[in-house]
Amino acid sequence: MIAIKPCEKDSDFLLVKQLVKDYIRWLNIDLSFQAVDKELSDLSSMYGPPDGIFLLAWHEDKLAGGVGLRAFAPGVCEMKRLRGNSGGEIQGT
């Protein structure tokens, strides 16, 4: 069963940091134009209350993936860093 949980603690955001780094490595594209280093250094502000959230997907005790959401305009959000873990061992995320 898949459980979706918001990041709430510093340890959650450390998992996000690793997930985003894995995503960038997988893309094999230079994302410096997106100020990714700044984003990684301040994930809890970018994807925390009041204007953002980062959701982590868990399958049993394994991190299956995640996605960041943040306010873009009134009534509109931006979805960023959608990532599922690779390997095929986790189904349904």
N, C-alpha and C. Protein backbone atom coordinates (compact mmCIF):
# COMPACT_ATOMS: atom_id res chain seq x y z
N MET A 1 0.84 -1.18 0.00
CA MET A 1 0.00 0.00 0.00
C MET A 1 0.88 1.24 0.00
N ILE A 2 0.44 2.25 -0.73
CA ILE A 2 1.15 3.52 -0.84
C ILE A 2 0.58 4.50 0.18
N ALA A 3 1.46 5.19 0.89
CA ALA A 3 1.05 6.26 1.81
C ALA A 3 1.70 7.56 1.34
N ILE A 4 0.92 8.63 1.29
CA ILE A 4 1.41 9.94 0.91
C ILE A 4 1.45 10.80 2.17
N LYS A 5 2.65 11.33 2.47
CA LYS A 5 2.82 12.13 3.69
C LYS A 5 3.57 13.42 3.37
N PRO A 6 3.14 14.53 3.97
CA PRO A 6 3.85 15.78 3.76
C PRO A 6 5.16 15.81 4.54
N CYS A 7 6.13 16.53 4.03
CA CYS A 7 7.37 16.76 4.77
C CYS A 7 7.06 17.69 5.93
N GLU A 8 7.52 17.29 7.12
CA GLU A 8 7.27 18.11 8.30
C GLU A 8 8.53 18.37 9.10
N LYS A 9 9.50 17.48 9.00
CA LYS A 9 10.72 17.58 9.83
C LYS A 9 11.93 17.80 8.94
N ASP A 10 13.01 18.24 9.55
CA ASP A 10 14.26 18.41 8.82
C ASP A 10 14.69 17.11 8.16
N SER A 11 14.48 15.99 8.84
CA SER A 11 14.88 14.70 8.27
C SER A 11 14.08 14.38 7.00
N ASP A 12 12.82 14.83 6.94
CA ASP A 12 12.02 14.65 5.72
C ASP A 12 12.64 15.42 4.56
N PHE A 13 13.07 16.66 4.84
CA PHE A 13 13.64 17.49 3.79
C PHE A 13 15.02 16.99 3.36
N LEU A 14 15.73 16.28 4.23
CA LEU A 14 16.98 15.63 3.80
C LEU A 14 16.68 14.54 2.77
N LEU A 15 15.58 13.83 2.96
CA LEU A 15 15.16 12.82 1.97
C LEU A 15 14.81 13.50 0.65
N VAL A 16 14.14 14.64 0.73
CA VAL A 16 13.79 15.39 -0.48
C VAL A 16 15.06 15.82 -1.22
N LYS A 17 16.03 16.30 -0.47
CA LYS A 17 17.28 16.75 -1.07
C LYS A 17 17.92 15.61 -1.87
N GLN A 18 17.95 14.41 -1.29
CA GLN A 18 18.54 13.27 -1.99
C GLN A 18 17.69 12.88 -3.20
N LEU A 19 16.38 12.94 -3.06
CA LEU A 19 15.47 12.62 -4.16
C LEU A 19 15.68 13.58 -5.33
N VAL A 20 15.82 14.88 -5.03
CA VAL A 20 16.03 15.88 -6.08
C VAL A 20 17.39 15.68 -6.73
N LYS A 21 18.41 15.40 -5.93
CA LYS A 21 19.74 15.15 -6.49
C LYS A 21 19.72 13.93 -7.42
N ASP A 22 19.02 12.88 -7.01
CA ASP A 22 18.89 11.69 -7.86
C ASP A 22 18.17 12.03 -9.16
N TYR A 23 17.13 12.85 -9.05
CA TYR A 23 16.36 13.30 -10.22
C TYR A 23 17.25 14.06 -11.20
N ILE A 24 18.03 14.99 -10.67
CA ILE A 24 18.92 15.80 -11.52
C ILE A 24 19.96 14.91 -12.18
N ARG A 25 20.51 13.98 -11.44
CA ARG A 25 21.49 13.05 -12.01
C ARG A 25 20.85 12.22 -13.12
N TRP A 26 19.61 11.77 -12.90
CA TRP A 26 18.89 10.98 -13.90
C TRP A 26 18.63 11.80 -15.16
N LEU A 27 18.25 13.09 -14.99
CA LEU A 27 18.00 13.95 -16.14
C LEU A 27 19.23 14.13 -17.01
N ASN A 28 20.39 14.19 -16.36
CA ASN A 28 21.66 14.42 -17.06
C ASN A 28 21.62 15.72 -17.87
N ILE A 29 21.04 16.75 -17.25
CA ILE A 29 20.93 18.08 -17.85
C ILE A 29 21.41 19.09 -16.82
N ASP A 30 22.12 20.11 -17.27
CA ASP A 30 22.55 21.18 -16.38
C ASP A 30 21.34 22.05 -16.03
N LEU A 31 20.92 22.00 -14.77
CA LEU A 31 19.78 22.79 -14.32
C LEU A 31 20.20 24.03 -13.55
N SER A 32 21.43 24.47 -13.71
CA SER A 32 21.89 25.64 -12.96
C SER A 32 21.05 26.88 -13.27
N PHE A 33 20.46 26.96 -14.47
CA PHE A 33 19.61 28.10 -14.82
C PHE A 33 18.37 28.17 -13.94
N GLN A 34 18.04 27.07 -13.25
CA GLN A 34 16.89 27.03 -12.36
C GLN A 34 17.27 27.32 -10.91
N ALA A 35 18.54 27.66 -10.66
CA ALA A 35 19.03 27.95 -9.30
C ALA A 35 18.78 26.77 -8.37
N VAL A 36 19.10 25.57 -8.83
CA VAL A 36 18.85 24.35 -8.07
C VAL A 36 19.65 24.34 -6.76
N ASP A 37 20.88 24.84 -6.80
CA ASP A 37 21.68 24.86 -5.56
C ASP A 37 20.99 25.68 -4.48
N LYS A 38 20.43 26.81 -4.85
CA LYS A 38 19.68 27.64 -3.88
C LYS A 38 18.45 26.88 -3.39
N GLU A 39 17.76 26.23 -4.31
CA GLU A 39 16.58 25.45 -3.95
C GLU A 39 16.94 24.36 -2.95
N LEU A 40 18.02 23.63 -3.20
CA LEU A 40 18.44 22.55 -2.31
C LEU A 40 18.86 23.05 -0.93
N SER A 41 19.37 24.28 -0.88
CA SER A 41 19.81 24.81 0.41
C SER A 41 18.66 25.35 1.24
N ASP A 42 17.48 25.50 0.64
CA ASP A 42 16.35 26.11 1.34
C ASP A 42 15.04 25.41 1.03
N LEU A 43 15.06 24.09 0.99
CA LEU A 43 13.87 23.32 0.61
C LEU A 43 12.68 23.57 1.52
N SER A 44 12.91 23.68 2.83
CA SER A 44 11.78 23.84 3.74
C SER A 44 11.07 25.18 3.55
N SER A 45 11.78 26.20 3.12
CA SER A 45 11.12 27.48 2.83
C SER A 45 10.38 27.43 1.51
N MET A 46 11.00 26.79 0.53
CA MET A 46 10.39 26.74 -0.80
C MET A 46 9.17 25.82 -0.84
N TYR A 47 9.24 24.71 -0.12
CA TYR A 47 8.18 23.71 -0.15
C TYR A 47 7.53 23.51 1.21
N GLY A 48 7.54 24.54 2.02
CA GLY A 48 6.90 24.47 3.33
C GLY A 48 5.79 25.51 3.41
N PRO A 49 5.06 25.48 4.51
CA PRO A 49 4.00 26.46 4.71
C PRO A 49 4.55 27.88 4.73
N PRO A 50 3.81 28.85 4.33
CA PRO A 50 2.38 28.76 4.00
C PRO A 50 2.11 28.55 2.51
N ASP A 51 3.15 28.63 1.67
CA ASP A 51 2.89 28.63 0.22
C ASP A 51 3.35 27.38 -0.51
N GLY A 52 3.75 26.36 0.21
CA GLY A 52 4.23 25.16 -0.47
C GLY A 52 4.08 23.92 0.37
N ILE A 53 4.30 22.79 -0.28
CA ILE A 53 4.29 21.49 0.40
C ILE A 53 5.09 20.52 -0.46
N PHE A 54 5.80 19.64 0.18
CA PHE A 54 6.46 18.55 -0.55
C PHE A 54 5.87 17.26 0.00
N LEU A 55 5.31 16.47 -0.90
CA LEU A 55 4.67 15.21 -0.52
C LEU A 55 5.61 14.05 -0.85
N LEU A 56 5.77 13.16 0.10
CA LEU A 56 6.57 11.95 -0.10
C LEU A 56 5.65 10.75 -0.18
N ALA A 57 5.92 9.87 -1.14
CA ALA A 57 5.17 8.63 -1.29
C ALA A 57 5.99 7.50 -0.68
N TRP A 58 5.34 6.72 0.17
CA TRP A 58 6.00 5.60 0.86
C TRP A 58 5.30 4.31 0.49
N HIS A 59 6.08 3.29 0.23
CA HIS A 59 5.56 1.93 0.03
C HIS A 59 6.18 1.09 1.12
N GLU A 60 5.33 0.69 2.08
CA GLU A 60 5.81 0.04 3.30
C GLU A 60 6.80 1.01 3.96
N ASP A 61 8.04 0.64 4.14
CA ASP A 61 9.02 1.54 4.78
C ASP A 61 10.00 2.12 3.77
N LYS A 62 9.70 1.99 2.49
CA LYS A 62 10.62 2.48 1.46
C LYS A 62 10.08 3.75 0.81
N LEU A 63 10.96 4.72 0.61
CA LEU A 63 10.59 5.94 -0.09
C LEU A 63 10.35 5.59 -1.56
N ALA A 64 9.16 5.88 -2.04
CA ALA A 64 8.79 5.53 -3.41
C ALA A 64 8.89 6.72 -4.36
N GLY A 65 8.86 7.94 -3.82
CA GLY A 65 8.96 9.12 -4.66
C GLY A 65 8.42 10.34 -3.96
N GLY A 66 8.26 11.41 -4.72
CA GLY A 66 7.74 12.62 -4.13
C GLY A 66 7.49 13.69 -5.17
N VAL A 67 6.86 14.77 -4.71
CA VAL A 67 6.58 15.91 -5.58
C VAL A 67 6.43 17.16 -4.72
N GLY A 68 6.94 18.27 -5.25
CA GLY A 68 6.81 19.54 -4.58
C GLY A 68 5.72 20.37 -5.24
N LEU A 69 4.95 21.06 -4.41
CA LEU A 69 3.90 21.96 -4.88
C LEU A 69 4.11 23.30 -4.20
N ARG A 70 3.96 24.39 -4.96
CA ARG A 70 4.07 25.71 -4.34
C ARG A 70 3.18 26.69 -5.08
N ALA A 71 2.78 27.71 -4.34
CA ALA A 71 1.89 28.72 -4.90
C ALA A 71 2.57 29.41 -6.08
N PHE A 72 1.81 29.56 -7.14
CA PHE A 72 2.30 30.23 -8.35
C PHE A 72 1.56 31.55 -8.55
N ALA A 73 0.26 31.49 -8.35
CA ALA A 73 -0.63 32.65 -8.44
C ALA A 73 -1.87 32.30 -7.62
N PRO A 74 -2.71 33.25 -7.29
CA PRO A 74 -3.91 32.92 -6.52
C PRO A 74 -4.72 31.80 -7.18
N GLY A 75 -4.91 30.72 -6.44
CA GLY A 75 -5.67 29.59 -6.95
C GLY A 75 -4.92 28.67 -7.90
N VAL A 76 -3.61 28.92 -8.08
CA VAL A 76 -2.80 28.13 -9.02
C VAL A 76 -1.52 27.68 -8.31
N CYS A 77 -1.17 26.41 -8.49
CA CYS A 77 0.09 25.94 -7.92
C CYS A 77 1.02 25.46 -9.03
N GLU A 78 2.28 25.41 -8.70
CA GLU A 78 3.31 24.88 -9.60
C GLU A 78 3.76 23.54 -9.02
N MET A 79 3.83 22.53 -9.87
CA MET A 79 4.31 21.21 -9.46
C MET A 79 5.76 21.10 -9.92
N LYS A 80 6.64 20.74 -8.98
CA LYS A 80 8.07 20.63 -9.30
C LYS A 80 8.64 19.35 -8.71
N ARG A 81 9.68 18.89 -9.37
CA ARG A 81 10.51 17.79 -8.87
C ARG A 81 9.73 16.49 -8.64
N LEU A 82 8.77 16.22 -9.51
CA LEU A 82 8.05 14.94 -9.46
C LEU A 82 9.04 13.83 -9.76
N ARG A 83 9.15 12.90 -8.86
CA ARG A 83 10.15 11.84 -9.02
C ARG A 83 9.67 10.57 -8.34
N GLY A 84 9.78 9.45 -9.05
CA GLY A 84 9.58 8.14 -8.46
C GLY A 84 10.92 7.44 -8.41
N ASN A 85 11.14 6.68 -7.38
CA ASN A 85 12.40 5.95 -7.30
C ASN A 85 12.48 4.92 -8.41
N SER A 86 13.67 4.72 -8.93
CA SER A 86 13.87 3.78 -10.03
C SER A 86 14.10 2.38 -9.48
N GLY A 87 14.18 1.44 -10.37
CA GLY A 87 14.45 0.07 -9.99
C GLY A 87 13.27 -0.85 -10.20
N GLY A 88 12.09 -0.28 -10.30
CA GLY A 88 10.91 -1.10 -10.57
C GLY A 88 10.44 -1.93 -9.40
N GLU A 89 11.07 -1.79 -8.24
CA GLU A 89 10.68 -2.63 -7.11
C GLU A 89 9.45 -2.08 -6.39
N ILE A 90 9.08 -0.84 -6.68
CA ILE A 90 7.94 -0.24 -6.01
C ILE A 90 6.88 0.04 -7.09
N GLN A 91 5.75 -0.59 -6.96
CA GLN A 91 4.69 -0.47 -7.97
C GLN A 91 3.58 0.43 -7.45
N GLY A 92 2.92 1.12 -8.36
CA GLY A 92 1.72 1.85 -8.03
C GLY A 92 1.92 3.28 -7.60
N THR A 93 3.14 3.81 -7.71
CA THR A 93 3.33 5.22 -7.30
C THR A 93 3.21 6.12 -8.51
